[in-house]
């Protein structure tokens, strides 16, 4: 029996079948003594209280915590497409830092681009294209 090739191969789309989170690694960098890192490293800090819970909720993301002497604190997100996004969190409170981390987690890593058409779809419309010249005639 001869082996024949498939006519068309379906394209994998995120969200169809399984969801793959785009963020693969997050790095939390802070300074040990600077006041701008206060929200990251003090007694009731993000690193001691909020980060363990965040890491437990997102086991698919590699979490790295490292000192960054004499620099402002940052969160760096590394994505599966090879891009990085960096957000400075100097002077922010614990909840604000958590929101920035969630923003990086939910981001795709793609460059920002101007949207010219509001909807992009790989599938054709079930009802077809709208045309005012088809269908019932309207009398005014």
Protein backbone atom coordinates (compact mmCIF):
# COMPACT_ATOMS: atom_id res chain seq x y z
CA UNK A 1 0.00 0.00 0.00
CA UNK A 2 1.57 3.30 -1.06
CA UNK A 3 2.00 6.10 1.47
CA UNK A 4 0.57 9.44 0.45
CA UNK A 5 1.15 12.85 1.98
CA UNK A 6 -1.55 14.82 3.70
CA UNK A 7 -3.24 17.47 1.59
CA UNK A 8 -3.30 20.12 4.29
CA UNK A 9 -1.76 20.32 7.72
CA UNK A 10 -3.69 22.13 10.40
CA UNK A 11 -1.98 25.10 11.99
CA UNK A 12 -1.57 24.98 15.73
CA UNK A 13 -3.28 27.90 17.44
CA UNK A 14 -2.85 28.84 21.06
CA UNK A 15 -6.06 28.18 22.95
CA UNK A 16 -7.24 25.38 20.65
CA UNK A 17 -6.63 22.06 22.38
CA UNK A 18 -4.18 23.38 24.98
CA UNK A 19 -3.05 26.78 26.23
CA UNK A 20 0.66 27.53 26.33
CA UNK A 21 1.69 30.47 28.48
CA UNK A 22 4.00 32.74 26.48
CA UNK A 23 6.15 33.82 29.45
CA UNK A 24 8.74 31.17 30.26
CA UNK A 25 10.94 32.99 32.81
CA UNK A 26 10.66 35.98 35.15
CA UNK A 27 13.64 37.62 36.83
CA UNK A 28 13.17 39.81 39.91
CA UNK A 29 16.20 42.06 40.46
CA UNK A 30 16.61 44.44 43.41
CA UNK A 31 19.25 46.41 45.31
CA UNK A 32 20.10 45.37 48.89
CA UNK A 33 20.31 48.87 50.36
CA UNK A 34 18.64 51.41 48.04
CA UNK A 35 15.33 52.97 49.09
CA UNK A 36 13.77 52.41 45.67
CA UNK A 37 13.83 48.63 46.36
CA UNK A 38 11.91 48.98 49.63
CA UNK A 39 8.74 47.33 48.28
CA UNK A 40 10.74 44.31 47.13
CA UNK A 41 12.95 43.53 50.14
CA UNK A 42 11.66 44.90 53.51
CA UNK A 43 9.84 43.04 56.33
CA UNK A 44 6.43 42.87 54.69
CA UNK A 45 7.94 42.72 51.22
CA UNK A 46 6.94 41.28 47.88
CA UNK A 47 9.78 38.74 47.88
CA UNK A 48 8.85 37.21 51.26
CA UNK A 49 5.07 37.19 51.06
CA UNK A 50 3.65 37.62 47.56
CA UNK A 51 6.29 35.97 45.36
CA UNK A 52 5.99 32.43 46.86
CA UNK A 53 2.22 32.50 46.25
CA UNK A 54 2.73 33.87 42.73
CA UNK A 55 5.27 31.11 41.98
CA UNK A 56 2.92 28.43 43.36
CA UNK A 57 0.07 29.68 41.13
CA UNK A 58 2.34 29.73 38.04
CA UNK A 59 4.50 26.56 38.11
CA UNK A 60 5.18 26.77 34.35
CA UNK A 61 7.20 30.00 34.82
CA UNK A 62 10.81 29.82 35.98
CA UNK A 63 11.29 32.41 38.78
CA UNK A 64 14.73 33.93 39.38
CA UNK A 65 15.50 36.35 42.23
CA UNK A 66 18.87 38.08 42.09
CA UNK A 67 20.50 41.18 43.58
CA UNK A 68 21.27 44.08 41.26
CA UNK A 69 23.54 46.43 43.24
CA UNK A 70 23.22 50.20 42.78
CA UNK A 71 20.40 49.86 40.24
CA UNK A 72 16.65 50.33 40.37
CA UNK A 73 14.57 47.18 40.93
CA UNK A 74 13.17 45.56 37.79
CA UNK A 75 11.10 42.60 36.69
CA UNK A 76 12.23 41.01 33.42
CA UNK A 77 9.97 38.66 31.49
CA UNK A 78 11.51 36.27 28.95
CA UNK A 79 9.12 34.82 26.38
CA UNK A 80 9.10 31.72 24.18
CA UNK A 81 9.52 33.84 21.05
CA UNK A 82 12.93 35.00 22.34
CA UNK A 83 11.92 38.55 23.29
CA UNK A 84 12.25 40.22 26.69
CA UNK A 85 10.18 42.86 28.43
CA UNK A 86 11.47 44.83 31.40
CA UNK A 87 9.39 46.84 33.87
CA UNK A 88 10.98 49.08 36.51
CA UNK A 89 9.28 48.75 39.90
CA UNK A 90 11.15 51.40 41.88
CA UNK A 91 9.10 52.95 44.67
CA UNK A 92 6.07 50.68 44.15
CA UNK A 93 4.07 48.97 46.89
CA UNK A 94 3.59 45.18 47.17
CA UNK A 95 0.24 45.09 45.33
CA UNK A 96 1.55 47.30 42.52
CA UNK A 97 4.60 45.04 42.06
CA UNK A 98 2.28 42.01 41.92
CA UNK A 99 0.17 43.73 39.25
CA UNK A 100 3.28 44.41 37.16
CA UNK A 101 4.35 40.76 37.49
CA UNK A 102 0.89 39.63 36.38
CA UNK A 103 1.07 42.06 33.45
CA UNK A 104 4.34 40.48 32.29
CA UNK A 105 2.94 36.96 32.83
CA UNK A 106 -0.13 37.68 30.70
CA UNK A 107 1.78 39.49 27.96
CA UNK A 108 2.67 37.71 24.73
CA UNK A 109 6.16 39.13 24.26
CA UNK A 110 5.29 40.39 20.78
CA UNK A 111 6.16 43.90 19.68
CA UNK A 112 3.40 46.45 19.93
CA UNK A 113 1.87 47.11 16.54
CA UNK A 114 -0.80 49.36 15.14
CA UNK A 115 -4.05 47.54 14.49
CA UNK A 116 -5.55 48.58 11.17
CA UNK A 117 -8.34 46.02 11.11
CA UNK A 118 -10.04 45.28 14.43
CA UNK A 119 -10.50 41.53 13.83
CA UNK A 120 -7.98 39.05 12.47
CA UNK A 121 -9.23 35.52 11.88
CA UNK A 122 -7.81 32.42 10.29
CA UNK A 123 -11.30 31.04 9.68
CA UNK A 124 -13.82 32.37 7.20
CA UNK A 125 -17.12 33.67 8.48
CA UNK A 126 -19.92 31.14 8.73
CA UNK A 127 -22.45 33.62 7.35
CA UNK A 128 -20.23 35.00 4.63
CA UNK A 129 -19.37 38.61 3.89
CA UNK A 130 -22.03 41.25 4.49
CA UNK A 131 -23.30 43.01 1.42
CA UNK A 132 -26.18 45.52 1.29
CA UNK A 133 -27.00 44.36 -2.27
CA UNK A 134 -28.10 40.87 -1.20
CA UNK A 135 -31.06 39.71 0.82
CA UNK A 136 -34.47 41.36 1.22
CA UNK A 137 -35.15 44.65 -0.52
CA UNK A 138 -35.87 47.46 1.93
CA UNK A 139 -38.32 50.13 0.95
CA UNK A 140 -38.15 53.50 2.62
